[in-house]
């Protein structure tokens, strides 16, 4: 081969490589243009959301109930509230699924372990698949976390243990606090980054010694778990609950709060009247979400209650150091 032929071959090679490089660059630009930009969760506004007009609430005959095992409600595009069917378990617990960029967090896993009766993982996986498709994300990580360590909130935890791309926050106090980065429980208030979505997390014991409250600055929702909801507030440690309730008020003083959300409904729509424990049909429920005025009433109660007993308020009942199986109808 002469020098001219070799030179021509080298030029062809260089041109070919350059052409491939240009094609790759063009493809990358075109592909990037098709991708959704990163989701943003600004805290200087409020992401609106809605609650259902009513939640599924069991039926007269639990055996004849035809409602889904898990009710799924999209509060907004990136915030889902789930409720366990009361015909499956009278607790009728609420669970929460928050999304950020590349990650989702499931808070609590209900009162029933059996996937045949309560297919929580199947439901959560479906929500995630549909969310990924809608927002052009894939292979997002799921974090399985808990508000506190009572069995009616982690029964279906076992359904997720072999799930790929999943972080299982352990079911001990030490594992829970290590995950959130809380070194000084319950006083410390920490910020957790859920894929660009800022959550403020702090300890709120009183009902249970590992309980957490979570403030979502994007939606202005304050999650209070089992320590404050429309129902019987079973308190094992009155002094701890007093400190927790007053802390929630301080958080609400420093941050805009549109609703307080939580884990149960046990009250009827009639002020001061609850459903008996074990009820599997609650046709006259009030909304699950609560107001700052109700929180203020709880704060006032911390100055009024001074001994163990049952104390009745319009939107909740305080069971101060009273066994959990005790109800006002006994």
C-alpha atoms as a PDB file:
ATOM      1  CA  UNK A   1       0.000   0.000   0.000  1.00  0.00           C
ATOM      2  CA  UNK A   2       1.441   3.378  -0.984  1.00  0.00           C
ATOM      3  CA  UNK A   3       1.540   6.468   1.216  1.00  0.00           C
ATOM      4  CA  UNK A   4      -1.399   8.111  -0.533  1.00  0.00           C
ATOM      5  CA  UNK A   5      -3.632   5.060   0.040  1.00  0.00           C
ATOM      6  CA  UNK A   6      -2.675   4.837   3.693  1.00  0.00           C
ATOM      7  CA  UNK A   7      -3.367   8.509   4.209  1.00  0.00           C
ATOM      8  CA  UNK A   8      -6.741   8.220   2.555  1.00  0.00           C
ATOM      9  CA  UNK A   9      -7.602   5.258   4.803  1.00  0.00           C
ATOM     10  CA  UNK A  10      -6.634   7.233   7.900  1.00  0.00           C
ATOM     11  CA  UNK A  11      -8.782  10.154   6.807  1.00  0.00           C
ATOM     12  CA  UNK A  12     -11.745   7.815   6.261  1.00  0.00           C
ATOM     13  CA  UNK A  13     -11.249   6.363   9.725  1.00  0.00           C
ATOM     14  CA  UNK A  14     -11.109   9.787  11.351  1.00  0.00           C
ATOM     15  CA  UNK A  15     -14.197  10.921   9.464  1.00  0.00           C
ATOM     16  CA  UNK A  16     -16.073   7.759  10.478  1.00  0.00           C
ATOM     17  CA  UNK A  17     -15.178   8.157  14.144  1.00  0.00           C
ATOM     18  CA  UNK A  18     -16.159  11.813  14.041  1.00  0.00           C
ATOM     19  CA  UNK A  19     -19.469  10.937  12.388  1.00  0.00           C
ATOM     20  CA  UNK A  20     -20.255   8.346  15.071  1.00  0.00           C
ATOM     21  CA  UNK A  21     -19.347  10.820  17.802  1.00  0.00           C
ATOM     22  CA  UNK A  22     -21.613  13.459  16.294  1.00  0.00           C
ATOM     23  CA  UNK A  23     -24.472  10.931  16.028  1.00  0.00           C
ATOM     24  CA  UNK A  24     -24.057   9.926  19.660  1.00  0.00           C
ATOM     25  CA  UNK A  25     -24.032  13.561  20.754  1.00  0.00           C
ATOM     26  CA  UNK A  26     -27.135  14.325  18.719  1.00  0.00           C
ATOM     27  CA  UNK A  27     -28.871  11.268  20.181  1.00  0.00           C
ATOM     28  CA  UNK A  28     -27.948  12.312  23.715  1.00  0.00           C
ATOM     29  CA  UNK A  29     -29.299  15.807  23.141  1.00  0.00           C
ATOM     30  CA  UNK A  30     -32.506  14.463  21.626  1.00  0.00           C
ATOM     31  CA  UNK A  31     -32.949  11.929  24.434  1.00  0.00           C
ATOM     32  CA  UNK A  32     -32.332  14.569  27.080  1.00  0.00           C
ATOM     33  CA  UNK A  33     -34.947  16.783  25.479  1.00  0.00           C
ATOM     34  CA  UNK A  34     -37.471  13.976  25.838  1.00  0.00           C
ATOM     35  CA  UNK A  35     -36.753  13.433  29.518  1.00  0.00           C
ATOM     36  CA  UNK A  36     -38.758  15.258  32.137  1.00  0.00           C
ATOM     37  CA  UNK A  37     -36.780  17.868  34.098  1.00  0.00           C
ATOM     38  CA  UNK A  38     -36.155  17.027  37.765  1.00  0.00           C
ATOM     39  CA  UNK A  39     -39.165  17.412  40.014  1.00  0.00           C
ATOM     40  CA  UNK A  40     -39.105  20.449  42.261  1.00  0.00           C
ATOM     41  CA  UNK A  41     -40.613  20.717  45.732  1.00  0.00           C
ATOM     42  CA  UNK A  42     -40.353  24.371  46.761  1.00  0.00           C
ATOM     43  CA  UNK A  43     -41.169  25.179  50.363  1.00  0.00           C
ATOM     44  CA  UNK A  44     -41.917  28.854  49.710  1.00  0.00           C
ATOM     45  CA  UNK A  45     -45.392  28.032  48.430  1.00  0.00           C
ATOM     46  CA  UNK A  46     -47.951  25.314  49.028  1.00  0.00           C
ATOM     47  CA  UNK A  47     -48.616  22.285  46.848  1.00  0.00           C
ATOM     48  CA  UNK A  48     -52.362  21.915  46.996  1.00  0.00           C
ATOM     49  CA  UNK A  49     -54.152  18.629  47.505  1.00  0.00           C
ATOM     50  CA  UNK A  50     -57.544  17.134  48.186  1.00  0.00           C
ATOM     51  CA  UNK A  51     -59.107  14.598  50.512  1.00  0.00           C
ATOM     52  CA  UNK A  52     -61.956  12.272  49.509  1.00  0.00           C
ATOM     53  CA  UNK A  53     -65.485  13.280  50.444  1.00  0.00           C
ATOM     54  CA  UNK A  54     -65.497  10.136  52.582  1.00  0.00           C
ATOM     55  CA  UNK A  55     -63.184   7.204  53.170  1.00  0.00           C
ATOM     56  CA  UNK A  56     -64.195   3.587  52.812  1.00  0.00           C
ATOM     57  CA  UNK A  57     -65.365   2.752  56.307  1.00  0.00           C
ATOM     58  CA  UNK A  58     -66.353  -0.921  56.477  1.00  0.00           C
ATOM     59  CA  UNK A  59     -69.851  -2.343  56.228  1.00  0.00           C
ATOM     60  CA  UNK A  60     -72.610  -3.813  58.373  1.00  0.00           C
ATOM     61  CA  UNK A  61     -71.499  -7.300  57.376  1.00  0.00           C
ATOM     62  CA  UNK A  62     -67.715  -7.557  57.169  1.00  0.00           C
ATOM     63  CA  UNK A  63     -67.992 -10.869  55.294  1.00  0.00           C
ATOM     64  CA  UNK A  64     -70.099  -9.227  52.578  1.00  0.00           C
ATOM     65  CA  UNK A  65     -67.832  -6.214  52.127  1.00  0.00           C
ATOM     66  CA  UNK A  66     -66.886  -5.538  48.500  1.00  0.00           C
ATOM     67  CA  UNK A  67     -64.576  -2.542  48.963  1.00  0.00           C
ATOM     68  CA  UNK A  68     -60.895  -2.854  48.018  1.00  0.00           C
ATOM     69  CA  UNK A  69     -58.543  -4.113  50.703  1.00  0.00           C
ATOM     70  CA  UNK A  70     -56.603  -0.858  50.404  1.00  0.00           C
ATOM     71  CA  UNK A  71     -58.177   2.444  49.446  1.00  0.00           C
ATOM     72  CA  UNK A  72     -55.752   4.596  47.455  1.00  0.00           C
ATOM     73  CA  UNK A  73     -56.247   8.343  47.364  1.00  0.00           C
ATOM     74  CA  UNK A  74     -53.941  10.726  45.504  1.00  0.00           C
ATOM     75  CA  UNK A  75     -53.752  13.847  47.655  1.00  0.00           C
ATOM     76  CA  UNK A  76     -51.721  15.277  44.802  1.00  0.00           C
ATOM     77  CA  UNK A  77     -49.367  13.932  42.111  1.00  0.00           C
ATOM     78  CA  UNK A  78     -46.595  13.054  44.572  1.00  0.00           C
ATOM     79  CA  UNK A  79     -48.517  12.350  47.795  1.00  0.00           C
ATOM     80  CA  UNK A  80     -50.736   9.316  48.319  1.00  0.00           C
ATOM     81  CA  UNK A  81     -52.844   8.366  51.332  1.00  0.00           C
ATOM     82  CA  UNK A  82     -53.835   4.706  51.755  1.00  0.00           C
ATOM     83  CA  UNK A  83     -56.404   3.254  54.109  1.00  0.00           C
ATOM     84  CA  UNK A  84     -56.809  -0.330  55.237  1.00  0.00           C
ATOM     85  CA  UNK A  85     -60.338  -1.647  54.807  1.00  0.00           C
ATOM     86  CA  UNK A  86     -62.028  -1.772  58.225  1.00  0.00           C
ATOM     87  CA  UNK A  87     -63.794  -4.976  57.216  1.00  0.00           C
ATOM     88  CA  UNK A  88     -60.356  -6.599  57.116  1.00  0.00           C
ATOM     89  CA  UNK A  89     -59.141  -5.011  60.335  1.00  0.00           C
ATOM     90  CA  UNK A  90     -61.115  -2.674  62.566  1.00  0.00           C
ATOM     91  CA  UNK A  91     -58.068  -0.424  63.041  1.00  0.00           C
ATOM     92  CA  UNK A  92     -58.655   0.982  59.531  1.00  0.00           C
ATOM     93  CA  UNK A  93     -55.193   2.513  59.566  1.00  0.00           C
ATOM     94  CA  UNK A  94     -53.969   5.230  57.230  1.00  0.00           C
ATOM     95  CA  UNK A  95     -50.612   4.888  55.503  1.00  0.00           C
ATOM     96  CA  UNK A  96     -48.698   7.431  53.428  1.00  0.00           C
ATOM     97  CA  UNK A  97     -46.598   7.227  50.260  1.00  0.00           C
ATOM     98  CA  UNK A  98     -44.444  10.279  49.527  1.00  0.00           C
ATOM     99  CA  UNK A  99     -42.480  10.650  46.272  1.00  0.00           C
ATOM    100  CA  UNK A 100     -39.315  12.590  45.517  1.00  0.00           C
ATOM    101  CA  UNK A 101     -36.825  12.401  42.659  1.00  0.00           C
ATOM    102  CA  UNK A 102     -35.777   8.777  42.300  1.00  0.00           C
ATOM    103  CA  UNK A 103     -37.270   7.707  45.624  1.00  0.00           C
ATOM    104  CA  UNK A 104     -40.537   6.997  47.423  1.00  0.00           C
ATOM    105  CA  UNK A 105     -41.227   6.520  51.117  1.00  0.00           C
ATOM    106  CA  UNK A 106     -43.988   4.340  52.560  1.00  0.00           C
ATOM    107  CA  UNK A 107     -44.865   5.352  56.112  1.00  0.00           C
ATOM    108  CA  UNK A 108     -46.491   2.442  57.987  1.00  0.00           C
ATOM    109  CA  UNK A 109     -47.732  -0.905  56.681  1.00  0.00           C
ATOM    110  CA  UNK A 110     -51.081  -1.550  58.291  1.00  0.00           C
ATOM    111  CA  UNK A 111     -52.579  -4.097  60.643  1.00  0.00           C
ATOM    112  CA  UNK A 112     -52.756  -7.275  58.531  1.00  0.00           C
ATOM    113  CA  UNK A 113     -49.728  -9.312  57.468  1.00  0.00           C
ATOM    114  CA  UNK A 114     -51.352 -11.674  54.953  1.00  0.00           C
ATOM    115  CA  UNK A 115     -50.836 -10.546  51.324  1.00  0.00           C
ATOM    116  CA  UNK A 116     -53.906 -12.605  50.379  1.00  0.00           C
ATOM    117  CA  UNK A 117     -56.136 -10.528  52.670  1.00  0.00           C
ATOM    118  CA  UNK A 118     -54.184  -7.297  52.533  1.00  0.00           C
ATOM    119  CA  UNK A 119     -52.019  -7.042  49.374  1.00  0.00           C
ATOM    120  CA  UNK A 120     -50.228  -3.855  50.399  1.00  0.00           C
ATOM    121  CA  UNK A 121     -47.032  -4.496  48.433  1.00  0.00           C
ATOM    122  CA  UNK A 122     -49.020  -5.191  45.272  1.00  0.00           C
ATOM    123  CA  UNK A 123     -50.921  -1.937  45.712  1.00  0.00           C
ATOM    124  CA  UNK A 124     -47.777   0.094  46.441  1.00  0.00           C
ATOM    125  CA  UNK A 125     -45.935  -1.421  43.472  1.00  0.00           C
ATOM    126  CA  UNK A 126     -48.819  -0.475  41.184  1.00  0.00           C
ATOM    127  CA  UNK A 127     -48.805   3.120  42.435  1.00  0.00           C
ATOM    128  CA  UNK A 128     -45.047   3.311  41.868  1.00  0.00           C
ATOM    129  CA  UNK A 129     -45.241   1.874  38.340  1.00  0.00           C
ATOM    130  CA  UNK A 130     -47.942   4.338  37.343  1.00  0.00           C
ATOM    131  CA  UNK A 131     -46.067   7.229  38.960  1.00  0.00           C
ATOM    132  CA  UNK A 132     -42.858   6.292  37.147  1.00  0.00           C
ATOM    133  CA  UNK A 133     -44.668   6.182  33.818  1.00  0.00           C
ATOM    134  CA  UNK A 134     -46.392   9.515  34.397  1.00  0.00           C
ATOM    135  CA  UNK A 135     -43.199  11.301  35.459  1.00  0.00           C
ATOM    136  CA  UNK A 136     -40.744   9.471  33.177  1.00  0.00           C
ATOM    137  CA  UNK A 137     -38.714   7.996  35.993  1.00  0.00           C
ATOM    138  CA  UNK A 138     -37.615   4.407  36.439  1.00  0.00           C
ATOM    139  CA  UNK A 139     -36.170   2.072  39.047  1.00  0.00           C
ATOM    140  CA  UNK A 140     -36.972   4.415  41.904  1.00  0.00           C
ATOM    141  CA  UNK A 141     -35.954   3.309  45.364  1.00  0.00           C
ATOM    142  CA  UNK A 142     -38.609   2.547  47.970  1.00  0.00           C
ATOM    143  CA  UNK A 143     -38.025   3.289  51.640  1.00  0.00           C
ATOM    144  CA  UNK A 144     -40.250   1.341  54.045  1.00  0.00           C
ATOM    145  CA  UNK A 145     -40.465   3.342  57.271  1.00  0.00           C
ATOM    146  CA  UNK A 146     -42.696   3.593  60.333  1.00  0.00           C
ATOM    147  CA  UNK A 147     -44.275   6.279  62.457  1.00  0.00           C
ATOM    148  CA  UNK A 148     -43.869   4.227  65.631  1.00  0.00           C
ATOM    149  CA  UNK A 149     -43.492   0.690  66.895  1.00  0.00           C
ATOM    150  CA  UNK A 150     -47.005  -0.670  67.460  1.00  0.00           C
ATOM    151  CA  UNK A 151     -48.009  -3.812  65.601  1.00  0.00           C
ATOM    152  CA  UNK A 152     -51.076  -2.318  63.938  1.00  0.00           C
ATOM    153  CA  UNK A 153     -48.706  -0.155  61.889  1.00  0.00           C
ATOM    154  CA  UNK A 154     -46.076  -2.632  60.702  1.00  0.00           C
ATOM    155  CA  UNK A 155     -47.978  -5.915  60.235  1.00  0.00           C
ATOM    156  CA  UNK A 156     -47.365  -5.974  56.455  1.00  0.00           C
ATOM    157  CA  UNK A 157     -43.706  -4.924  56.784  1.00  0.00           C
ATOM    158  CA  UNK A 158     -42.863  -8.538  55.962  1.00  0.00           C
ATOM    159  CA  UNK A 159     -44.347  -8.175  52.456  1.00  0.00           C
ATOM    160  CA  UNK A 160     -41.447  -5.902  51.420  1.00  0.00           C
ATOM    161  CA  UNK A 161     -38.422  -7.716  52.839  1.00  0.00           C
ATOM    162  CA  UNK A 162     -37.493  -9.376  49.524  1.00  0.00           C
ATOM    163  CA  UNK A 163     -38.487  -6.445  47.325  1.00  0.00           C
ATOM    164  CA  UNK A 164     -35.640  -5.233  45.068  1.00  0.00           C
ATOM    165  CA  UNK A 165     -34.336  -1.668  45.289  1.00  0.00           C
ATOM    166  CA  UNK A 166     -35.872  -1.243  48.735  1.00  0.00           C
ATOM    167  CA  UNK A 167     -34.552   0.120  52.028  1.00  0.00           C
ATOM    168  CA  UNK A 168     -36.189  -1.504  55.041  1.00  0.00           C
ATOM    169  CA  UNK A 169     -35.935   0.732  58.084  1.00  0.00           C
ATOM    170  CA  UNK A 170     -35.621  -1.633  61.022  1.00  0.00           C
ATOM    171  CA  UNK A 171     -38.270  -2.167  63.678  1.00  0.00           C
ATOM    172  CA  UNK A 172     -36.240  -1.127  66.692  1.00  0.00           C
ATOM    173  CA  UNK A 173     -35.873   2.302  68.244  1.00  0.00           C
ATOM    174  CA  UNK A 174     -32.151   2.351  67.479  1.00  0.00           C
ATOM    175  CA  UNK A 175     -32.624   1.464  63.802  1.00  0.00           C
ATOM    176  CA  UNK A 176     -35.379   4.017  63.325  1.00  0.00           C
ATOM    177  CA  UNK A 177     -33.370   6.865  64.813  1.00  0.00           C
ATOM    178  CA  UNK A 178     -30.197   5.892  62.957  1.00  0.00           C
ATOM    179  CA  UNK A 179     -32.054   6.024  59.641  1.00  0.00           C
ATOM    180  CA  UNK A 180     -33.368   9.540  60.249  1.00  0.00           C
ATOM    181  CA  UNK A 181     -30.105  10.738  61.773  1.00  0.00           C
ATOM    182  CA  UNK A 182     -31.632  11.531  65.161  1.00  0.00           C
ATOM    183  CA  UNK A 183     -28.969  11.344  67.874  1.00  0.00           C
ATOM    184  CA  UNK A 184     -30.871  13.069  70.668  1.00  0.00           C
ATOM    185  CA  UNK A 185     -34.425  11.652  70.813  1.00  0.00           C
ATOM    186  CA  UNK A 186     -36.941  13.160  71.269  1.00  0.00           C
ATOM    187  CA  UNK A 187     -35.597  16.713  71.482  1.00  0.00           C
ATOM    188  CA  UNK A 188     -33.718  16.835  68.181  1.00  0.00           C
ATOM    189  CA  UNK A 189     -35.424  18.155  65.036  1.00  0.00           C
ATOM    190  CA  UNK A 190     -33.790  17.008  61.792  1.00  0.00           C
ATOM    191  CA  UNK A 191     -34.291  17.635  58.081  1.00  0.00           C
ATOM    192  CA  UNK A 192     -34.477  14.660  55.717  1.00  0.00           C
ATOM    193  CA  UNK A 193     -33.992  15.035  51.956  1.00  0.00           C
ATOM    194  CA  UNK A 194     -36.435  12.771  50.101  1.00  0.00           C
ATOM    195  CA  UNK A 195     -35.177  13.303  46.562  1.00  0.00           C
ATOM    196  CA  UNK A 196     -35.388  17.077  46.791  1.00  0.00           C
ATOM    197  CA  UNK A 197     -38.459  17.041  49.013  1.00  0.00           C
ATOM    198  CA  UNK A 198     -37.618  18.394  52.446  1.00  0.00           C
ATOM    199  CA  UNK A 199     -39.147  16.618  55.455  1.00  0.00           C
ATOM    200  CA  UNK A 200     -38.763  17.917  59.005  1.00  0.00           C
ATOM    201  CA  UNK A 201     -38.732  15.025  61.485  1.00  0.00           C
ATOM    202  CA  UNK A 202     -38.775  14.953  65.273  1.00  0.00           C
ATOM    203  CA  UNK A 203     -39.617  12.674  68.172  1.00  0.00           C
ATOM    204  CA  UNK A 204     -43.120  12.850  69.657  1.00  0.00           C
ATOM    205  CA  UNK A 205     -43.405  10.178  72.364  1.00  0.00           C
ATOM    206  CA  UNK A 206     -46.264   9.812  74.816  1.00  0.00           C
ATOM    207  CA  UNK A 207     -48.363   7.270  72.973  1.00  0.00           C
ATOM    208  CA  UNK A 208     -45.293   5.167  72.199  1.00  0.00           C
ATOM    209  CA  UNK A 209     -41.639   5.685  72.998  1.00  0.00           C
ATOM    210  CA  UNK A 210     -40.315   5.792  69.437  1.00  0.00           C
ATOM    211  CA  UNK A 211     -43.009   7.887  67.757  1.00  0.00           C
ATOM    212  CA  UNK A 212     -42.166  10.504  65.143  1.00  0.00           C
ATOM    213  CA  UNK A 213     -43.919  13.511  63.657  1.00  0.00           C
ATOM    214  CA  UNK A 214     -43.141  14.652  60.113  1.00  0.00           C
ATOM    215  CA  UNK A 215     -43.679  18.081  58.569  1.00  0.00           C
ATOM    216  CA  UNK A 216     -43.682  18.250  54.760  1.00  0.00           C
ATOM    217  CA  UNK A 217     -42.785  21.801  53.766  1.00  0.00           C
ATOM    218  CA  UNK A 218     -43.905  21.263  50.167  1.00  0.00           C
ATOM    219  CA  UNK A 219     -47.538  20.447  51.037  1.00  0.00           C
ATOM    220  CA  UNK A 220     -47.636  22.103  54.488  1.00  0.00           C
ATOM    221  CA  UNK A 221     -49.004  18.853  55.921  1.00  0.00           C
ATOM    222  CA  UNK A 222     -48.048  17.992  59.499  1.00  0.00           C
ATOM    223  CA  UNK A 223     -48.166  14.226  60.107  1.00  0.00           C
ATOM    224  CA  UNK A 224     -48.872  13.366  63.751  1.00  0.00           C
ATOM    225  CA  UNK A 225     -49.266   9.580  63.607  1.00  0.00           C
ATOM    226  CA  UNK A 226     -50.979   7.980  66.614  1.00  0.00           C
ATOM    227  CA  UNK A 227     -50.131  10.646  69.150  1.00  0.00           C
ATOM    228  CA  UNK A 228     -52.835  12.995  67.835  1.00  0.00           C
ATOM    229  CA  UNK A 229     -55.829  11.933  65.740  1.00  0.00           C
ATOM    230  CA  UNK A 230     -59.637  11.887  65.817  1.00  0.00           C
ATOM    231  CA  UNK A 231     -60.047   9.146  68.343  1.00  0.00           C
ATOM    232  CA  UNK A 232     -58.880   7.690  71.630  1.00  0.00           C
ATOM    233  CA  UNK A 233     -55.410   8.999  72.424  1.00  0.00           C
ATOM    234  CA  UNK A 234     -53.963   6.185  74.527  1.00  0.00           C
ATOM    235  CA  UNK A 235     -51.081   7.741  76.441  1.00  0.00           C
ATOM    236  CA  UNK A 236     -48.509   5.654  78.255  1.00  0.00           C
ATOM    237  CA  UNK A 237     -46.462   8.671  79.358  1.00  0.00           C
ATOM    238  CA  UNK A 238     -48.427  11.837  80.096  1.00  0.00           C
ATOM    239  CA  UNK A 239     -45.422  14.104  80.615  1.00  0.00           C
ATOM    240  CA  UNK A 240     -43.875  12.977  77.323  1.00  0.00           C
ATOM    241  CA  UNK A 241     -47.126  13.612  75.450  1.00  0.00           C
ATOM    242  CA  UNK A 242     -47.438  17.079  76.976  1.00  0.00           C
ATOM    243  CA  UNK A 243     -43.970  17.933  75.672  1.00  0.00           C
ATOM    244  CA  UNK A 244     -44.796  16.435  72.266  1.00  0.00           C
ATOM    245  CA  UNK A 245     -48.063  18.326  71.797  1.00  0.00           C
ATOM    246  CA  UNK A 246     -46.453  21.612  72.769  1.00  0.00           C
ATOM    247  CA  UNK A 247     -43.583  20.886  70.377  1.00  0.00           C
ATOM    248  CA  UNK A 248     -46.067  20.346  67.532  1.00  0.00           C
ATOM    249  CA  UNK A 249     -47.584  23.743  68.301  1.00  0.00           C
ATOM    250  CA  UNK A 250     -44.122  25.331  68.125  1.00  0.00           C
ATOM    251  CA  UNK A 251     -43.456  23.642  64.778  1.00  0.00           C
ATOM    252  CA  UNK A 252     -46.772  25.005  63.511  1.00  0.00           C
ATOM    253  CA  UNK A 253     -45.813  28.455  64.826  1.00  0.00           C
ATOM    254  CA  UNK A 254     -42.621  28.375  62.746  1.00  0.00           C
ATOM    255  CA  UNK A 255     -44.073  26.749  59.632  1.00  0.00           C
ATOM    256  CA  UNK A 256     -47.329  27.106  57.686  1.00  0.00           C
ATOM    257  CA  UNK A 257     -49.601  24.131  58.359  1.00  0.00           C
ATOM    258  CA  UNK A 258     -52.700  23.555  56.247  1.00  0.00           C
ATOM    259  CA  UNK A 259     -53.805  20.237  57.806  1.00  0.00           C
ATOM    260  CA  UNK A 260     -52.710  17.766  60.444  1.00  0.00           C
ATOM    261  CA  UNK A 261     -52.864  14.192  59.118  1.00  0.00           C
ATOM    262  CA  UNK A 262     -52.616  10.996  61.114  1.00  0.00           C
ATOM    263  CA  UNK A 263     -53.326   7.257  61.430  1.00  0.00           C
ATOM    264  CA  UNK A 264     -56.910   6.552  62.530  1.00  0.00           C
ATOM    265  CA  UNK A 265     -60.502   7.731  62.773  1.00  0.00           C
ATOM    266  CA  UNK A 266     -62.338   6.512  65.877  1.00  0.00           C
ATOM    267  CA  UNK A 267     -64.688   9.437  66.478  1.00  0.00           C
ATOM    268  CA  UNK A 268     -68.194   9.809  65.105  1.00  0.00           C
ATOM    269  CA  UNK A 269     -69.255  13.069  63.470  1.00  0.00           C
ATOM    270  CA  UNK A 270     -71.070  13.891  66.730  1.00  0.00           C
ATOM    271  CA  UNK A 271     -68.775  15.905  69.018  1.00  0.00           C
ATOM    272  CA  UNK A 272     -67.275  13.892  71.856  1.00  0.00           C
ATOM    273  CA  UNK A 273     -68.732  10.534  70.757  1.00  0.00           C
ATOM    274  CA  UNK A 274     -66.433   7.736  69.598  1.00  0.00           C
ATOM    275  CA  UNK A 275     -67.151   4.375  67.991  1.00  0.00           C
ATOM    276  CA  UNK A 276     -66.716   1.338  70.256  1.00  0.00           C
ATOM    277  CA  UNK A 277     -63.399  -0.441  69.941  1.00  0.00           C
ATOM    278  CA  UNK A 278     -63.535  -3.224  67.368  1.00  0.00           C
ATOM    279  CA  UNK A 279     -66.097  -1.446  65.169  1.00  0.00           C
ATOM    280  CA  UNK A 280     -65.866  -2.594  61.543  1.00  0.00           C
ATOM    281  CA  UNK A 281     -68.472  -0.171  60.198  1.00  0.00           C
ATOM    282  CA  UNK A 282     -68.241   3.573  60.723  1.00  0.00           C
ATOM    283  CA  UNK A 283     -70.829   5.211  58.448  1.00  0.00           C
ATOM    284  CA  UNK A 284     -70.751   8.533  60.277  1.00  0.00           C
ATOM    285  CA  UNK A 285     -67.054   9.362  60.315  1.00  0.00           C
ATOM    286  CA  UNK A 286     -65.665  12.892  60.469  1.00  0.00           C
ATOM    287  CA  UNK A 287     -62.778  13.787  58.131  1.00  0.00           C
ATOM    288  CA  UNK A 288     -59.386  12.312  58.957  1.00  0.00           C
ATOM    289  CA  UNK A 289     -57.542  15.635  58.633  1.00  0.00           C
ATOM    290  CA  UNK A 290     -57.461  17.939  61.629  1.00  0.00           C
ATOM    291  CA  UNK A 291     -57.035  21.665  62.187  1.00  0.00           C
ATOM    292  CA  UNK A 292     -54.723  23.914  64.142  1.00  0.00           C
ATOM    293  CA  UNK A 293     -57.698  24.841  66.307  1.00  0.00           C
ATOM    294  CA  UNK A 294     -57.933  21.191  67.370  1.00  0.00           C
ATOM    295  CA  UNK A 295     -54.209  21.204  68.126  1.00  0.00           C
ATOM    296  CA  UNK A 296     -54.741  24.297  70.257  1.00  0.00           C
ATOM    297  CA  UNK A 297     -57.426  22.433  72.185  1.00  0.00           C
ATOM    298  CA  UNK A 298     -54.944  19.634  72.844  1.00  0.00           C
ATOM    299  CA  UNK A 299     -52.398  22.177  74.052  1.00  0.00           C
ATOM    300  CA  UNK A 300     -55.016  23.580  76.437  1.00  0.00           C
ATOM    301  CA  UNK A 301     -55.666  20.046  77.673  1.00  0.00           C
ATOM    302  CA  UNK A 302     -52.025  19.741  78.714  1.00  0.00           C
ATOM    303  CA  UNK A 303     -52.736  22.420  81.316  1.00  0.00           C
ATOM    304  CA  UNK A 304     -56.086  20.963  82.403  1.00  0.00           C
ATOM    305  CA  UNK A 305     -55.414  17.245  82.852  1.00  0.00           C
ATOM    306  CA  UNK A 306     -53.569  16.419  86.060  1.00  0.00           C
ATOM    307  CA  UNK A 307     -54.311  12.754  86.782  1.00  0.00           C
ATOM    308  CA  UNK A 308     -54.939   9.435  84.990  1.00  0.00           C
ATOM    309  CA  UNK A 309     -58.389   9.056  83.489  1.00  0.00           C
ATOM    310  CA  UNK A 310     -60.552   9.564  80.414  1.00  0.00           C
ATOM    311  CA  UNK A 311     -61.039  13.144  79.245  1.00  0.00           C
ATOM    312  CA  UNK A 312     -63.587  13.902  76.526  1.00  0.00           C
ATOM    313  CA  UNK A 313     -63.140  16.656  73.951  1.00  0.00           C
ATOM    314  CA  UNK A 314     -65.154  17.346  70.800  1.00  0.00           C
ATOM    315  CA  UNK A 315     -62.644  15.871  68.341  1.00  0.00           C
ATOM    316  CA  UNK A 316     -60.570  13.464  70.422  1.00  0.00           C
ATOM    317  CA  UNK A 317     -60.536  11.631  73.743  1.00  0.00           C
ATOM    318  CA  UNK A 318     -57.535  11.568  76.043  1.00  0.00           C
ATOM    319  CA  UNK A 319     -56.951   8.197  77.712  1.00  0.00           C
ATOM    320  CA  UNK A 320     -54.284   9.185  80.176  1.00  0.00           C
ATOM    321  CA  UNK A 321     -52.576   5.998  81.374  1.00  0.00           C
ATOM    322  CA  UNK A 322     -55.726   3.963  80.701  1.00  0.00           C
ATOM    323  CA  UNK A 323     -55.427   0.492  79.069  1.00  0.00           C
ATOM    324  CA  UNK A 324     -55.807   0.529  75.288  1.00  0.00           C
ATOM    325  CA  UNK A 325     -58.741  -1.910  75.363  1.00  0.00           C
ATOM    326  CA  UNK A 326     -60.811   0.475  77.512  1.00  0.00           C
ATOM    327  CA  UNK A 327     -63.567   2.431  75.730  1.00  0.00           C
ATOM    328  CA  UNK A 328     -66.128   4.974  76.866  1.00  0.00           C
ATOM    329  CA  UNK A 329     -69.004   2.602  76.052  1.00  0.00           C
ATOM    330  CA  UNK A 330     -68.001   0.088  78.745  1.00  0.00           C
END
